[in-house]
Each structure stands twice: as structure tokens, then as C-alpha cells.
Protein backbone atom coordinates (compact mmCIF):
# COMPACT_ATOMS: atom_id res chain seq x y z
CA MET A 1 -42.39 -210.72 -126.20
CA LYS A 2 -43.31 -212.12 -129.35
CA ASN A 3 -41.78 -208.52 -130.59
CA LYS A 4 -38.75 -208.98 -128.95
CA SER A 5 -37.92 -212.63 -130.63
CA ILE A 6 -38.90 -211.28 -133.74
CA ILE A 7 -35.83 -208.63 -133.17
CA ILE A 8 -33.61 -211.29 -132.11
CA ILE A 9 -33.83 -213.47 -134.52
CA LEU A 10 -33.66 -210.53 -137.36
CA VAL A 11 -30.70 -209.34 -135.42
CA VAL A 12 -29.03 -212.77 -135.80
CA VAL A 13 -29.99 -212.99 -139.11
CA LEU A 14 -27.73 -209.87 -140.10
CA VAL A 15 -24.81 -210.83 -138.10
CA LEU A 16 -24.77 -213.71 -139.81
CA VAL A 17 -25.26 -211.98 -143.34
CA GLY A 18 -22.33 -209.66 -142.29
CA LEU A 19 -20.14 -212.40 -141.27
CA GLY A 20 -20.50 -214.07 -144.66
CA LEU A 21 -20.12 -210.79 -146.60
CA ILE A 22 -16.72 -210.56 -144.59
CA ILE A 23 -15.01 -213.90 -144.98
CA LEU A 24 -16.16 -213.59 -148.85
CA MET A 25 -14.28 -210.48 -149.26
CA ALA A 26 -11.36 -211.86 -147.05
CA ASN A 27 -11.33 -214.95 -149.43
CA LEU A 28 -11.40 -212.62 -152.56
CA LEU A 29 -8.04 -210.81 -151.45
CA GLY A 30 -6.03 -213.53 -149.83
CA GLY A 31 -7.01 -213.43 -146.45
CA SER A 32 -7.04 -209.52 -145.87
CA ILE A 33 -9.81 -206.73 -146.75
CA ASN A 34 -8.37 -203.96 -148.25
CA PHE A 35 -9.96 -200.49 -149.06
CA GLY A 36 -8.32 -197.41 -150.77
CA PHE A 37 -5.92 -199.04 -152.78
CA GLY A 38 -2.88 -197.27 -152.70
CA GLY A 39 -1.66 -197.54 -156.36
CA VAL A 40 1.41 -199.31 -157.46
CA SER A 41 4.51 -199.14 -155.25
CA ASP A 42 7.45 -197.11 -157.47
CA GLU A 43 10.16 -198.68 -155.24
CA LEU A 44 12.60 -200.98 -157.01
CA VAL A 45 12.94 -204.12 -155.40
CA MET A 46 15.53 -205.74 -158.16
CA ASP A 47 16.48 -205.12 -161.95
CA GLU A 48 18.54 -208.49 -163.08
CA PHE A 49 19.47 -209.82 -166.54
CA ILE A 50 19.72 -213.55 -166.43
CA ASP A 51 21.46 -215.58 -169.08
CA GLY A 52 20.46 -219.61 -169.67
CA ASP A 53 17.71 -221.53 -170.87
CA TYR A 54 14.93 -221.95 -168.33
CA SER A 55 12.00 -224.65 -168.96
CA ASN A 56 9.25 -222.58 -166.74
CA ILE A 57 8.77 -218.94 -165.94
CA SER A 58 6.66 -219.04 -162.42
CA ILE A 59 5.20 -215.71 -161.34
CA SER A 60 3.14 -215.51 -158.01
CA THR A 61 1.77 -212.63 -156.11
CA ASP A 62 -0.54 -211.39 -153.65
CA MET A 63 -1.17 -208.19 -155.01
CA SER A 64 0.59 -207.13 -157.97
CA GLU A 65 0.51 -205.83 -161.77
CA ILE A 66 2.41 -208.22 -163.65
CA MET A 67 3.76 -207.76 -167.55
CA ILE A 68 5.36 -210.21 -169.54
CA LYS A 69 7.48 -208.83 -172.68
CA ASN A 70 9.80 -209.48 -175.27
CA SER A 71 13.27 -208.61 -174.70
CA SER A 72 15.06 -206.75 -177.26
CA ASP A 73 18.00 -208.88 -176.72
CA ASP A 74 17.30 -212.15 -176.38
CA ARG A 75 18.45 -212.52 -172.55
CA PHE A 76 16.09 -213.12 -169.80
CA ARG A 77 15.51 -209.58 -167.24
CA VAL A 78 13.45 -209.52 -164.06
CA VAL A 79 12.19 -206.23 -162.51
CA VAL A 80 10.21 -206.18 -159.53
CA TYR A 81 9.02 -203.01 -157.38
CA GLY A 82 7.20 -203.69 -154.23
CA TYR A 83 8.45 -204.43 -150.90
CA LYS A 84 11.99 -206.15 -150.75
CA GLU A 85 11.60 -208.57 -147.64
CA ARG A 86 8.49 -209.69 -149.77
CA THR A 87 9.78 -210.42 -152.45
CA SER A 88 11.95 -214.25 -153.15
CA PHE A 89 13.38 -214.83 -156.35
CA ASP A 90 15.08 -218.33 -157.23
CA LYS A 91 16.43 -219.53 -160.60
CA SER A 92 17.66 -222.82 -159.88
CA ASN A 93 16.31 -226.08 -161.58
CA ASN A 94 16.16 -224.97 -164.68
CA GLU A 95 13.13 -222.53 -163.61
CA LEU A 96 12.73 -218.89 -162.87
CA ASN A 97 10.32 -218.59 -159.91
CA ILE A 98 9.15 -214.77 -158.69
CA LYS A 99 6.72 -214.16 -155.41
CA THR A 100 5.91 -211.10 -154.22
CA LYS A 101 3.62 -210.95 -151.22
CA ALA A 102 1.39 -207.89 -149.85
CA LYS A 103 1.86 -206.72 -146.60
CA SER A 104 0.28 -208.34 -143.56
CA CYS A 105 -2.57 -206.93 -141.91
CA PHE A 106 -5.32 -207.83 -139.68
CA GLY A 107 -9.29 -206.80 -140.46
CA PHE A 108 -9.23 -203.73 -142.37
CA CYS A 109 -6.17 -202.58 -144.73
CA PHE A 110 -5.92 -199.11 -146.24
CA ASN A 111 -3.68 -197.82 -149.08
CA GLN A 112 -1.94 -200.85 -149.94
CA LYS A 113 -0.10 -200.47 -152.94
CA ALA A 114 0.66 -203.43 -155.05
CA SER A 115 3.56 -204.68 -156.31
CA LYS A 116 5.03 -204.74 -160.08
CA VAL A 117 6.44 -207.59 -161.85
CA ILE A 118 8.01 -207.42 -165.06
CA VAL A 119 9.54 -209.87 -166.76
CA TYR A 120 11.30 -209.82 -170.44
CA VAL A 121 11.56 -213.03 -172.25
CA PRO A 122 13.22 -213.91 -175.59
CA SER A 123 10.48 -214.26 -178.14
CA SER A 124 11.51 -217.45 -179.52
CA TYR A 125 10.62 -219.09 -176.09
CA ASN A 126 8.96 -222.38 -176.06
CA LYS A 127 8.61 -223.37 -172.72
CA GLU A 128 6.05 -222.60 -169.66
CA MET A 129 4.92 -219.66 -168.20
CA ASN A 130 2.70 -220.37 -164.74
CA VAL A 131 1.05 -216.93 -163.72
CA ASP A 132 -0.89 -217.00 -160.41
CA ASN A 133 -1.95 -213.39 -159.16
CA ARG A 134 -4.84 -212.78 -156.51
CA TYR A 135 -5.36 -209.12 -157.16
CA GLY A 136 -4.44 -207.11 -160.36
CA ASP A 137 -3.75 -206.93 -163.79
CA ILE A 138 -1.78 -209.23 -166.23
CA GLU A 139 -0.64 -208.36 -169.35
CA ILE A 140 1.16 -210.63 -171.79
CA GLU A 141 2.97 -210.45 -174.89
CA LYS A 142 3.38 -212.54 -177.84
CA PHE A 143 4.75 -215.86 -177.55
CA MET A 144 3.32 -217.90 -180.21
CA ASP A 145 5.33 -221.32 -178.89
CA SER A 146 5.01 -221.13 -175.38
CA LYS A 147 2.38 -222.83 -172.96
CA MET A 148 0.78 -220.38 -170.50
CA THR A 149 -0.77 -221.35 -167.45
CA ILE A 150 -3.05 -218.40 -165.84
CA VAL A 151 -5.03 -218.07 -162.66
CA ALA A 152 -6.26 -214.31 -161.47
CA LYS A 153 -8.78 -213.74 -158.77
CA ALA A 154 -9.51 -210.39 -159.53
CA GLY A 155 -8.34 -208.39 -162.30
CA ASP A 156 -8.04 -208.60 -166.50
CA VAL A 157 -5.99 -210.93 -168.36
CA ARG A 158 -4.27 -209.50 -171.81
CA ILE A 159 -2.77 -212.33 -173.92
CA ASP A 160 -1.20 -210.95 -177.49
CA GLY A 161 -0.65 -214.67 -178.43
CA GLY A 162 0.76 -217.95 -177.19
CA ARG A 163 0.69 -221.78 -178.24
CA GLU A 164 -1.58 -223.48 -175.64
CA ILE A 165 -3.21 -220.73 -172.97
CA ASP A 166 -5.03 -222.24 -170.14
CA ILE A 167 -6.76 -219.85 -168.24
CA LYS A 168 -8.93 -218.75 -164.95
CA ASN A 169 -10.41 -215.87 -163.67
CA ASP A 170 -12.77 -215.12 -160.96
CA PHE A 171 -13.78 -211.57 -161.55
CA GLY A 172 -12.13 -209.30 -164.80
CA ASN A 173 -12.03 -209.25 -168.43
CA ILE A 174 -9.83 -211.61 -171.04
CA LYS A 175 -8.37 -210.24 -173.86
CA ILE A 176 -6.77 -212.82 -176.31
CA ASP A 177 -5.70 -211.99 -179.74
CA ASN A 178 -4.09 -214.92 -181.35
CA VAL A 179 -4.25 -218.70 -180.06
CA ARG A 180 -3.83 -222.47 -181.18
CA THR A 181 -5.29 -224.15 -178.39
CA LEU A 182 -7.66 -222.27 -175.55
CA ARG A 183 -9.30 -223.33 -172.21
CA ALA A 184 -10.88 -220.69 -169.97
CA LYS A 185 -13.13 -220.45 -167.12
CA ALA A 186 -14.40 -217.35 -166.06
CA SER A 187 -16.91 -216.02 -163.11
CA CYS A 188 -17.87 -212.32 -164.05
CA GLY A 189 -16.14 -210.30 -166.78
CA ASN A 190 -16.08 -210.65 -170.51
CA ILE A 191 -13.68 -212.88 -173.06
CA LYS A 192 -12.43 -211.67 -176.29
CA VAL A 193 -10.72 -213.87 -178.66
CA GLY A 194 -8.72 -212.93 -181.78
CA GLU A 195 -7.83 -215.70 -183.81
CA ALA A 196 -8.09 -219.21 -182.48
CA GLU A 197 -7.80 -222.90 -183.80
CA TYR A 198 -9.02 -224.90 -180.76
CA VAL A 199 -11.70 -222.68 -178.11
CA ASP A 200 -13.16 -224.24 -175.06
CA ILE A 201 -14.58 -221.61 -173.01
CA LYS A 202 -16.97 -221.43 -170.23
CA ASN A 203 -18.55 -218.26 -168.46
CA ASP A 204 -20.99 -217.53 -165.87
CA TYR A 205 -21.54 -214.09 -166.23
CA GLY A 206 -20.56 -212.00 -169.03
CA ASP A 207 -20.28 -211.55 -172.84
CA ILE A 208 -18.06 -213.72 -175.29
CA ASP A 209 -16.62 -212.35 -178.83
CA VAL A 210 -14.65 -214.56 -180.80
CA ASP A 211 -13.38 -213.71 -184.13
CA SER A 212 -12.37 -217.08 -185.70
CA VAL A 213 -12.00 -220.65 -184.89
CA THR A 214 -10.50 -222.58 -187.34
CA ASN A 215 -11.03 -226.37 -186.15
CA TYR A 216 -13.24 -226.96 -182.94
CA LEU A 217 -15.00 -224.84 -180.28
CA ASN A 218 -17.03 -225.80 -177.18
CA ILE A 219 -18.43 -222.64 -175.64
CA GLU A 220 -20.82 -222.46 -172.60
CA GLU A 221 -22.48 -219.15 -170.92
CA SER A 222 -24.62 -218.86 -167.93
CA CYS A 223 -25.66 -214.88 -168.81
CA GLY A 224 -24.18 -213.00 -171.54
CA ASP A 225 -24.26 -212.95 -175.57
CA ILE A 226 -21.78 -214.59 -177.52
CA GLU A 227 -20.61 -213.01 -181.10
CA ILE A 228 -18.39 -215.55 -183.27
CA GLY A 229 -17.18 -214.06 -186.16
CA SER A 230 -16.67 -216.97 -188.78
CA ILE A 231 -15.90 -220.45 -188.33
CA ASP A 232 -13.77 -223.31 -190.22
CA LEU A 233 -14.76 -226.59 -188.15
CA LYS A 234 -13.38 -229.93 -188.92
CA ASN A 235 -14.74 -231.41 -185.58
CA ASN A 236 -17.88 -231.55 -184.41
CA SER A 237 -18.68 -228.85 -181.93
CA ARG A 238 -21.06 -227.26 -179.48
CA ILE A 239 -22.52 -223.44 -178.29
CA LYS A 240 -24.72 -223.66 -175.13
CA ASN A 241 -26.23 -220.55 -173.59
CA SER A 242 -28.74 -219.86 -170.98
CA LEU A 243 -29.30 -216.61 -171.30
CA GLY A 244 -28.50 -214.09 -174.11
CA ASN A 245 -28.13 -214.11 -177.90
CA ILE A 246 -25.98 -216.31 -180.00
CA ASN A 247 -24.43 -214.89 -183.19
CA ILE A 248 -22.59 -216.20 -185.94
CA GLY A 249 -21.28 -214.95 -189.24
CA SER A 250 -19.53 -217.00 -191.86
CA THR A 251 -19.62 -220.86 -191.59
CA ASN A 252 -17.69 -223.78 -193.48
CA GLU A 253 -20.66 -226.68 -194.64
CA VAL A 254 -21.34 -227.89 -191.44
CA TYR A 255 -24.41 -228.93 -189.94
CA ILE A 256 -26.30 -226.63 -187.49
CA ASP A 257 -28.42 -228.43 -185.03
CA ALA A 258 -30.11 -225.54 -183.35
CA LYS A 259 -32.66 -225.32 -180.41
CA VAL A 260 -34.22 -222.51 -179.06
CA ASP A 261 -36.72 -222.34 -175.62
CA LEU A 262 -37.32 -218.91 -175.32
CA GLY A 263 -36.66 -216.69 -178.95
CA GLU A 264 -35.97 -216.91 -182.34
CA SER A 265 -33.51 -219.43 -184.67
CA LYS A 266 -32.79 -218.15 -188.29
CA ILE A 267 -29.98 -219.68 -190.12
CA ASN A 268 -28.95 -218.36 -193.71
CA ASN A 269 -27.60 -221.89 -195.10
CA ASN A 270 -27.35 -225.24 -193.60
CA TYR A 271 -25.92 -228.38 -194.53
CA ARG A 272 -27.58 -231.29 -193.58
CA GLU A 273 -25.07 -233.58 -195.28
CA ALA A 274 -22.11 -232.13 -193.79
CA LYS A 275 -19.71 -234.73 -192.21
CA VAL A 276 -19.00 -231.98 -189.12
CA GLU A 277 -22.20 -230.76 -186.90
CA LEU A 278 -22.58 -227.58 -184.79
CA GLU A 279 -24.87 -228.21 -181.83
CA VAL A 280 -26.20 -224.44 -180.97
CA GLU A 281 -28.59 -224.34 -178.04
CA ASN A 282 -29.79 -222.03 -175.92
CA ASN A 283 -32.79 -221.53 -173.60
CA CYS A 284 -33.62 -218.03 -173.60
CA GLY A 285 -32.37 -215.71 -176.78
CA ASN A 286 -31.91 -216.03 -180.07
CA ILE A 287 -29.86 -217.83 -182.14
CA THR A 288 -28.81 -216.12 -185.77
CA VAL A 289 -25.90 -217.63 -188.37
CA ASP A 290 -25.56 -215.34 -191.25
CA ASN A 291 -23.84 -217.57 -193.24
């Protein structure tokens, strides 16, 4: 009787764990569980040139490859591949709104094809871009006068340049070449930033690599290495890592307040009388400043 009770308890536990995994996967993929990704659809839904000036470009998709490119003729153009009955487009109220939805299914879904959204935008565009994608990669070319808000559930995000970028990615890498103000949150993936003025990054799992920062930075990492090529700080800043090394290259004259619990700290030049302070804290890993 005792053995039978143990078996029943184990079965109940396994069932609960299985249900938890199913619910987690369903949430990640927007309410359906997909196996056997069927590639990207080649069925053209729309290809439309649009004149006018729009204050916001909004793209919302369940499962799509999204590209925002510089137009060659200073006109807007929207190209969508996918499923016509699950695609909507609206250009009223001075906004461009594009939405695509994945095919409905119940339980396990096989051979799902992703849609593809390509938007051509004048390079001088200085308004807002909002992109929300549950599954798939996002690529945006350089729009240095635009403000961008990006939400991604699962997929890589690549941005050549923007004035102000707010980005949240659950699973996937982030790569930004040039940005004035960056606020980024990631759950699992590497973050690579080129040139930036203001940087605020929080990452749970994955490396953070920034080439240069010229004003302010606030970086918080749970598990992964932090690499910063050069800093020229005008405001007090902070770097914190729980597990992983912190490496910094050249700096301006700043005071670096370094604290290490498990690891070593090495700073070539520290300016204790400097007006700007950089606080660097590491729970488990080394701190190296090669300035």
C-alpha cells in the first residue's frame, strides 16, 4: 500500500510538471505550441506605395520576419507575405498600422509558416516606430532621428541606428550599431552595442558587449561577461554583475569605485579627485580596467 501511494504521488508530480511546461511554451508562442517550423511564406499579400507623413509606424505580429528599410525614393512602401485573411493594414489617423496573425490551431501545430513584413521608410523619418513580434527576427536599418519601441518574445533583433531605442527581448540576441539613448531588457541572449551616448541595460543570461559610451551607463547583468571598449562619462554611472567578468578599456578621468566578492580587481589608472564616479560591483568574477 505504501509503494502504491508513492507511485501515485510521483505520477501526480510528473503530470503537474508536464502541464507547467505546456503552459510555458503556449505563452511563449502566443497561445499555440509549434513544432516543425515551416519557414517563411512566399505568398504575397500586399505591395503598396504610400505617400504622406506619418507620426507612427506600428507593426504587430504573432510569427513573422520584420524588416524596416530605408526607401530609395522617400516614399513609404509596405510589403507583406503571409495569409491575406490574417493580415490587416490601416493608414488612418496619421499612422501606419500593420498586423499579422498566425494560423489558428489547437494543441500541437506543425509546419507553421511565418509571415514576412517589409516596410520601406524615408531615411529622414523622425517620428516613432513600434514593433511587437512574438516569434521571429526583427531588422531595422539606420534611422538616427527616430524613436523606436521594440518588444520581442523569441527572435534576434538587429538595429543599425536610432535616436532613442527602448527594447525588451525574452529569448534572442540584440545588436545595435549606433544609438543616442538605449534602454534594453533581455531575459536570455547576448547584447552587442556599438556607439552610444546613454546606456541602460539589464540582462539575465548572456554577455553584454559595448564598444563606446560617451555620457552615462547603467548596466546590470545576472550571468554573463561584460565588455566595454571605451567610456567618456559625463554623469555618475554604474555596472553590476552577479556572475561573470567585467572588462573595461579606455576611460576619461573618472573615479572607479570597484567592489568584488569573489574575484580580483585590477585598475590601471584611478582618479580619486574626479567629479564623475563609476561604481563597479561584481559578486563572482574579475574586474579589469585597462585604461
